[in-house]
Amino acid sequence: MGREIVGDCSTDHEFGEYETDLIIKYLKQKCGPPPDGANIEVTWEGCELASDEETQYPVISVVWDDGIIDYPNEYIGKCTEAFEHFDLPEEISEQGQKHQAILEGIEAIYESLAEAFRRRHSDS
């Protein structure tokens, strides 16, 4: 059985299961039905803690039967992109891009000032 993680499940104890079901329904609506032999499901991911203990947490994954279909690359890509839009609304994403452009502009101004300062002091 193949599996590719497309996003994290909610950690909200009260509404987590409801939110996860909503995300899966959104992915299926946005990306269309999974290919035959594939599905979007909650799976468990393990990790090791600093204390050498292992823990598991739920994630949303595209799963598929290797005997029925090959790696569903295109569908996984669609689901990953759709999850990012669900998890990070477009308005917030656009604001982040605007802030990044402003920061890059400030950095460019700083670099040009630093270069002018270096030239001025190297001439003296």
N, C-alpha and C. Protein backbone atom coordinates (compact mmCIF):
# COMPACT_ATOMS: atom_id res chain seq x y z
N MET A 1 0.85 -1.17 0.00
CA MET A 1 0.00 0.00 0.00
C MET A 1 0.90 1.23 0.00
N GLY A 2 0.67 2.13 -0.96
CA GLY A 2 1.42 3.38 -1.02
C GLY A 2 0.72 4.47 -0.23
N ARG A 3 1.51 5.47 0.19
CA ARG A 3 0.94 6.56 0.97
C ARG A 3 1.79 7.80 0.78
N GLU A 4 1.12 8.94 0.62
CA GLU A 4 1.81 10.23 0.53
C GLU A 4 1.04 11.23 1.38
N ILE A 5 1.71 11.86 2.32
CA ILE A 5 1.07 12.83 3.21
C ILE A 5 0.80 14.12 2.43
N VAL A 6 -0.42 14.66 2.56
CA VAL A 6 -0.75 15.93 1.91
C VAL A 6 -1.01 17.04 2.92
N GLY A 7 -1.19 16.71 4.20
CA GLY A 7 -1.42 17.75 5.20
C GLY A 7 -1.60 17.18 6.59
N ASP A 8 -1.57 18.07 7.55
CA ASP A 8 -1.74 17.69 8.95
C ASP A 8 -3.20 17.72 9.35
N CYS A 9 -3.54 16.90 10.30
CA CYS A 9 -4.89 16.92 10.87
C CYS A 9 -4.95 17.99 11.94
N SER A 10 -6.14 18.39 12.26
CA SER A 10 -6.35 19.38 13.30
C SER A 10 -5.91 18.82 14.65
N THR A 11 -5.39 19.70 15.50
CA THR A 11 -5.02 19.29 16.86
C THR A 11 -6.08 19.73 17.87
N ASP A 12 -7.15 20.34 17.38
CA ASP A 12 -8.24 20.79 18.25
C ASP A 12 -8.99 19.57 18.77
N HIS A 13 -8.98 19.39 20.09
CA HIS A 13 -9.60 18.20 20.68
C HIS A 13 -11.11 18.19 20.50
N GLU A 14 -11.73 19.35 20.52
CA GLU A 14 -13.19 19.41 20.45
C GLU A 14 -13.71 19.24 19.02
N PHE A 15 -13.05 19.89 18.04
CA PHE A 15 -13.56 19.89 16.67
C PHE A 15 -12.62 19.19 15.67
N GLY A 16 -11.58 18.55 16.16
CA GLY A 16 -10.57 17.96 15.29
C GLY A 16 -11.11 16.96 14.28
N GLU A 17 -11.94 16.03 14.74
CA GLU A 17 -12.48 15.01 13.83
C GLU A 17 -13.40 15.65 12.79
N TYR A 18 -14.22 16.59 13.23
CA TYR A 18 -15.12 17.29 12.31
C TYR A 18 -14.32 18.06 11.26
N GLU A 19 -13.29 18.79 11.72
CA GLU A 19 -12.47 19.57 10.80
C GLU A 19 -11.73 18.67 9.80
N THR A 20 -11.21 17.55 10.27
CA THR A 20 -10.51 16.62 9.39
C THR A 20 -11.46 16.06 8.33
N ASP A 21 -12.67 15.68 8.73
CA ASP A 21 -13.66 15.21 7.76
C ASP A 21 -13.98 16.29 6.74
N LEU A 22 -14.09 17.52 7.20
CA LEU A 22 -14.35 18.66 6.31
C LEU A 22 -13.21 18.85 5.31
N ILE A 23 -11.96 18.74 5.78
CA ILE A 23 -10.81 18.87 4.89
C ILE A 23 -10.84 17.80 3.81
N ILE A 24 -11.10 16.57 4.20
CA ILE A 24 -11.12 15.46 3.23
C ILE A 24 -12.23 15.69 2.21
N LYS A 25 -13.40 16.11 2.65
CA LYS A 25 -14.50 16.40 1.71
C LYS A 25 -14.10 17.54 0.77
N TYR A 26 -13.45 18.57 1.30
CA TYR A 26 -12.99 19.70 0.48
C TYR A 26 -11.99 19.22 -0.59
N LEU A 27 -11.04 18.39 -0.17
CA LEU A 27 -10.04 17.89 -1.13
C LEU A 27 -10.69 17.10 -2.25
N LYS A 28 -11.63 16.25 -1.89
CA LYS A 28 -12.31 15.44 -2.91
C LYS A 28 -13.16 16.32 -3.84
N GLN A 29 -13.75 17.38 -3.30
CA GLN A 29 -14.55 18.28 -4.13
C GLN A 29 -13.63 19.10 -5.03
N LYS A 30 -12.55 19.61 -4.49
CA LYS A 30 -11.64 20.48 -5.24
C LYS A 30 -10.82 19.70 -6.27
N CYS A 31 -10.41 18.49 -5.94
CA CYS A 31 -9.51 17.71 -6.81
C CYS A 31 -10.23 16.64 -7.61
N GLY A 32 -11.51 16.45 -7.34
CA GLY A 32 -12.25 15.39 -7.99
C GLY A 32 -12.07 14.08 -7.24
N PRO A 33 -12.80 13.07 -7.66
CA PRO A 33 -12.69 11.79 -6.96
C PRO A 33 -11.30 11.20 -7.17
N PRO A 34 -10.79 10.47 -6.19
CA PRO A 34 -9.48 9.84 -6.34
C PRO A 34 -9.51 8.81 -7.47
N PRO A 35 -8.36 8.54 -8.08
CA PRO A 35 -8.31 7.50 -9.10
C PRO A 35 -8.73 6.15 -8.50
N ASP A 36 -9.22 5.25 -9.35
CA ASP A 36 -9.58 3.90 -8.87
C ASP A 36 -8.38 3.28 -8.16
N GLY A 37 -8.62 2.73 -7.00
CA GLY A 37 -7.55 2.10 -6.21
C GLY A 37 -6.87 3.07 -5.27
N ALA A 38 -7.32 4.34 -5.24
CA ALA A 38 -6.74 5.36 -4.35
C ALA A 38 -7.83 5.98 -3.50
N ASN A 39 -7.42 6.66 -2.42
CA ASN A 39 -8.37 7.35 -1.55
C ASN A 39 -7.63 8.39 -0.73
N ILE A 40 -8.38 9.30 -0.14
CA ILE A 40 -7.83 10.27 0.80
C ILE A 40 -8.29 9.83 2.18
N GLU A 41 -7.34 9.61 3.09
CA GLU A 41 -7.67 9.07 4.40
C GLU A 41 -6.79 9.68 5.48
N VAL A 42 -7.20 9.47 6.72
CA VAL A 42 -6.35 9.79 7.86
C VAL A 42 -5.44 8.59 8.08
N THR A 43 -4.14 8.85 8.12
CA THR A 43 -3.16 7.80 8.43
C THR A 43 -2.33 8.29 9.62
N TRP A 44 -1.46 7.44 10.10
CA TRP A 44 -0.66 7.78 11.28
C TRP A 44 0.80 7.88 10.88
N GLU A 45 1.44 8.95 11.36
CA GLU A 45 2.85 9.19 11.12
C GLU A 45 3.57 9.09 12.45
N GLY A 46 4.69 8.44 12.47
CA GLY A 46 5.45 8.30 13.71
C GLY A 46 6.68 9.20 13.71
N CYS A 47 7.09 9.57 14.90
CA CYS A 47 8.34 10.32 15.04
C CYS A 47 8.95 9.99 16.40
N GLU A 48 10.26 10.21 16.48
CA GLU A 48 10.98 9.94 17.71
C GLU A 48 11.14 11.24 18.49
N LEU A 49 10.84 11.19 19.77
CA LEU A 49 10.98 12.36 20.63
C LEU A 49 12.41 12.45 21.16
N ALA A 50 12.74 13.58 21.74
CA ALA A 50 14.08 13.78 22.28
C ALA A 50 14.41 12.76 23.36
N SER A 51 13.40 12.25 24.04
CA SER A 51 13.61 11.27 25.10
C SER A 51 13.73 9.85 24.56
N ASP A 52 13.95 9.72 23.25
CA ASP A 52 14.06 8.42 22.56
C ASP A 52 12.76 7.62 22.59
N GLU A 53 11.66 8.26 22.95
CA GLU A 53 10.36 7.62 22.88
C GLU A 53 9.78 7.89 21.49
N GLU A 54 8.90 7.01 21.06
CA GLU A 54 8.23 7.22 19.78
C GLU A 54 6.79 7.64 20.03
N THR A 55 6.29 8.49 19.15
CA THR A 55 4.91 8.92 19.24
C THR A 55 4.31 8.88 17.84
N GLN A 56 3.01 8.89 17.76
CA GLN A 56 2.33 8.92 16.48
C GLN A 56 1.30 10.04 16.49
N TYR A 57 1.06 10.59 15.30
CA TYR A 57 0.07 11.64 15.15
C TYR A 57 -0.64 11.45 13.82
N PRO A 58 -1.91 11.89 13.73
CA PRO A 58 -2.68 11.68 12.50
C PRO A 58 -2.32 12.72 11.43
N VAL A 59 -2.33 12.26 10.19
CA VAL A 59 -2.10 13.12 9.03
C VAL A 59 -3.10 12.75 7.94
N ILE A 60 -3.32 13.67 7.01
CA ILE A 60 -4.19 13.39 5.87
C ILE A 60 -3.29 12.94 4.72
N SER A 61 -3.61 11.79 4.15
CA SER A 61 -2.77 11.20 3.11
C SER A 61 -3.59 10.72 1.93
N VAL A 62 -2.93 10.70 0.77
CA VAL A 62 -3.47 9.97 -0.37
C VAL A 62 -2.86 8.58 -0.25
N VAL A 63 -3.71 7.58 -0.22
CA VAL A 63 -3.26 6.19 -0.14
C VAL A 63 -3.71 5.47 -1.40
N TRP A 64 -2.94 4.46 -1.80
CA TRP A 64 -3.30 3.72 -3.00
C TRP A 64 -2.79 2.29 -2.91
N ASP A 65 -3.45 1.43 -3.64
CA ASP A 65 -3.08 0.03 -3.72
C ASP A 65 -2.07 -0.12 -4.84
N ASP A 66 -0.83 -0.45 -4.48
CA ASP A 66 0.24 -0.58 -5.48
C ASP A 66 -0.08 -1.62 -6.55
N GLY A 67 -0.89 -2.61 -6.20
CA GLY A 67 -1.23 -3.65 -7.15
C GLY A 67 -2.24 -3.20 -8.20
N ILE A 68 -2.96 -2.09 -7.92
CA ILE A 68 -3.99 -1.62 -8.83
C ILE A 68 -3.51 -0.44 -9.67
N ILE A 69 -2.84 0.54 -9.04
CA ILE A 69 -2.40 1.73 -9.78
C ILE A 69 -0.96 2.08 -9.42
N ASP A 70 -0.32 2.84 -10.31
CA ASP A 70 1.01 3.37 -10.05
C ASP A 70 0.88 4.60 -9.16
N TYR A 71 2.00 5.15 -8.77
CA TYR A 71 2.06 6.35 -7.94
C TYR A 71 1.20 7.45 -8.56
N PRO A 72 0.13 7.90 -7.87
CA PRO A 72 -0.78 8.90 -8.44
C PRO A 72 -0.25 10.33 -8.29
N ASN A 73 0.85 10.61 -8.94
CA ASN A 73 1.59 11.86 -8.80
C ASN A 73 0.71 13.09 -9.03
N GLU A 74 -0.05 13.11 -10.12
CA GLU A 74 -0.86 14.28 -10.45
C GLU A 74 -1.93 14.53 -9.38
N TYR A 75 -2.58 13.48 -8.93
CA TYR A 75 -3.63 13.64 -7.92
C TYR A 75 -3.03 14.10 -6.59
N ILE A 76 -1.90 13.57 -6.22
CA ILE A 76 -1.22 13.98 -4.98
C ILE A 76 -0.87 15.46 -5.06
N GLY A 77 -0.36 15.89 -6.21
CA GLY A 77 -0.02 17.31 -6.39
C GLY A 77 -1.23 18.21 -6.23
N LYS A 78 -2.35 17.80 -6.83
CA LYS A 78 -3.60 18.58 -6.71
C LYS A 78 -4.03 18.66 -5.24
N CYS A 79 -3.97 17.52 -4.56
CA CYS A 79 -4.40 17.48 -3.15
C CYS A 79 -3.49 18.34 -2.27
N THR A 80 -2.21 18.29 -2.50
CA THR A 80 -1.26 19.09 -1.71
C THR A 80 -1.55 20.57 -1.90
N GLU A 81 -1.74 20.99 -3.15
CA GLU A 81 -2.03 22.39 -3.44
C GLU A 81 -3.37 22.81 -2.84
N ALA A 82 -4.38 21.96 -2.97
CA ALA A 82 -5.70 22.28 -2.41
C ALA A 82 -5.64 22.38 -0.89
N PHE A 83 -4.87 21.49 -0.25
CA PHE A 83 -4.73 21.54 1.21
C PHE A 83 -4.09 22.86 1.63
N GLU A 84 -3.08 23.29 0.90
CA GLU A 84 -2.41 24.56 1.23
C GLU A 84 -3.40 25.73 1.13
N HIS A 85 -4.28 25.70 0.13
CA HIS A 85 -5.28 26.76 0.01
C HIS A 85 -6.31 26.67 1.14
N PHE A 86 -6.64 25.46 1.56
CA PHE A 86 -7.57 25.29 2.67
C PHE A 86 -6.93 25.75 3.97
N ASP A 87 -5.68 25.36 4.17
CA ASP A 87 -4.97 25.64 5.41
C ASP A 87 -4.51 27.10 5.49
N LEU A 88 -4.19 27.69 4.35
CA LEU A 88 -3.70 29.06 4.30
C LEU A 88 -4.52 29.82 3.28
N PRO A 89 -5.57 30.50 3.73
CA PRO A 89 -6.45 31.20 2.79
C PRO A 89 -5.68 32.12 1.85
N GLU A 90 -6.22 32.29 0.66
CA GLU A 90 -5.56 33.05 -0.39
C GLU A 90 -5.21 34.48 0.04
N GLU A 91 -6.10 35.10 0.81
CA GLU A 91 -5.84 36.48 1.25
C GLU A 91 -4.58 36.55 2.10
N ILE A 92 -4.41 35.57 2.98
CA ILE A 92 -3.22 35.54 3.84
C ILE A 92 -1.98 35.27 2.99
N SER A 93 -2.11 34.37 2.04
CA SER A 93 -1.00 34.06 1.15
C SER A 93 -0.59 35.30 0.36
N GLU A 94 -1.57 36.03 -0.16
CA GLU A 94 -1.28 37.25 -0.92
C GLU A 94 -0.63 38.30 -0.03
N GLN A 95 -1.10 38.44 1.20
CA GLN A 95 -0.50 39.39 2.13
C GLN A 95 0.95 39.02 2.41
N GLY A 96 1.20 37.73 2.57
CA GLY A 96 2.57 37.27 2.80
C GLY A 96 3.47 37.60 1.62
N GLN A 97 2.96 37.43 0.40
CA GLN A 97 3.75 37.75 -0.78
C GLN A 97 4.03 39.25 -0.85
N LYS A 98 3.04 40.09 -0.50
CA LYS A 98 3.25 41.54 -0.49
C LYS A 98 4.29 41.93 0.55
N HIS A 99 4.19 41.33 1.75
CA HIS A 99 5.17 41.63 2.78
C HIS A 99 6.57 41.20 2.35
N GLN A 100 6.66 40.05 1.69
CA GLN A 100 7.96 39.57 1.21
C GLN A 100 8.54 40.54 0.19
N ALA A 101 7.71 41.07 -0.71
CA ALA A 101 8.17 42.05 -1.71
C ALA A 101 8.66 43.32 -1.04
N ILE A 102 7.95 43.78 0.00
CA ILE A 102 8.37 44.97 0.74
C ILE A 102 9.72 44.73 1.41
N LEU A 103 9.86 43.58 2.05
CA LEU A 103 11.13 43.25 2.71
C LEU A 103 12.28 43.17 1.71
N GLU A 104 12.02 42.60 0.54
CA GLU A 104 13.06 42.53 -0.49
C GLU A 104 13.44 43.93 -0.98
N GLY A 105 12.45 44.83 -1.09
CA GLY A 105 12.73 46.21 -1.48
C GLY A 105 13.58 46.92 -0.44
N ILE A 106 13.26 46.73 0.83
CA ILE A 106 14.05 47.33 1.91
C ILE A 106 15.47 46.78 1.89
N GLU A 107 15.59 45.49 1.68
CA GLU A 107 16.93 44.87 1.61
C GLU A 107 17.74 45.43 0.45
N ALA A 108 17.10 45.64 -0.70
CA ALA A 108 17.80 46.21 -1.85
C ALA A 108 18.27 47.63 -1.56
N ILE A 109 17.43 48.42 -0.90
CA ILE A 109 17.82 49.78 -0.52
C ILE A 109 19.00 49.73 0.45
N TYR A 110 18.93 48.86 1.42
CA TYR A 110 20.01 48.71 2.39
C TYR A 110 21.31 48.33 1.69
N GLU A 111 21.24 47.38 0.78
CA GLU A 111 22.44 46.94 0.05
C GLU A 111 23.03 48.07 -0.78
N SER A 112 22.18 48.88 -1.43
CA SER A 112 22.70 49.99 -2.24
C SER A 112 23.32 51.05 -1.35
N LEU A 113 22.73 51.31 -0.17
CA LEU A 113 23.34 52.25 0.76
C LEU A 113 24.67 51.72 1.29
N ALA A 114 24.72 50.46 1.61
CA ALA A 114 25.97 49.86 2.10
C ALA A 114 27.05 49.92 1.03
N GLU A 115 26.69 49.66 -0.22
CA GLU A 115 27.66 49.74 -1.32
C GLU A 115 28.16 51.16 -1.50
N ALA A 116 27.27 52.16 -1.44
CA ALA A 116 27.67 53.56 -1.55
C ALA A 116 28.58 53.94 -0.39
N PHE A 117 28.29 53.46 0.79
CA PHE A 117 29.13 53.73 1.96
C PHE A 117 30.51 53.13 1.77
N ARG A 118 30.57 51.87 1.29
CA ARG A 118 31.86 51.22 1.05
C ARG A 118 32.68 51.98 0.02
N ARG A 119 32.05 52.40 -1.09
CA ARG A 119 32.77 53.15 -2.13
C ARG A 119 33.28 54.48 -1.57
N ARG A 120 32.47 55.14 -0.81
CA ARG A 120 32.86 56.44 -0.27
C ARG A 120 34.06 56.30 0.66
N HIS A 121 34.06 55.25 1.48
CA HIS A 121 35.16 55.07 2.43
C HIS A 121 36.38 54.43 1.78
N SER A 122 36.22 53.74 0.70
CA SER A 122 37.39 53.17 0.00
C SER A 122 38.11 54.24 -0.80
N ASP A 123 37.41 55.33 -1.17
CA ASP A 123 38.02 56.43 -1.92
C ASP A 123 38.82 57.34 -0.99
N SER A 124 38.54 57.30 0.32
CA SER A 124 39.22 58.22 1.22
C SER A 124 40.57 57.73 1.64
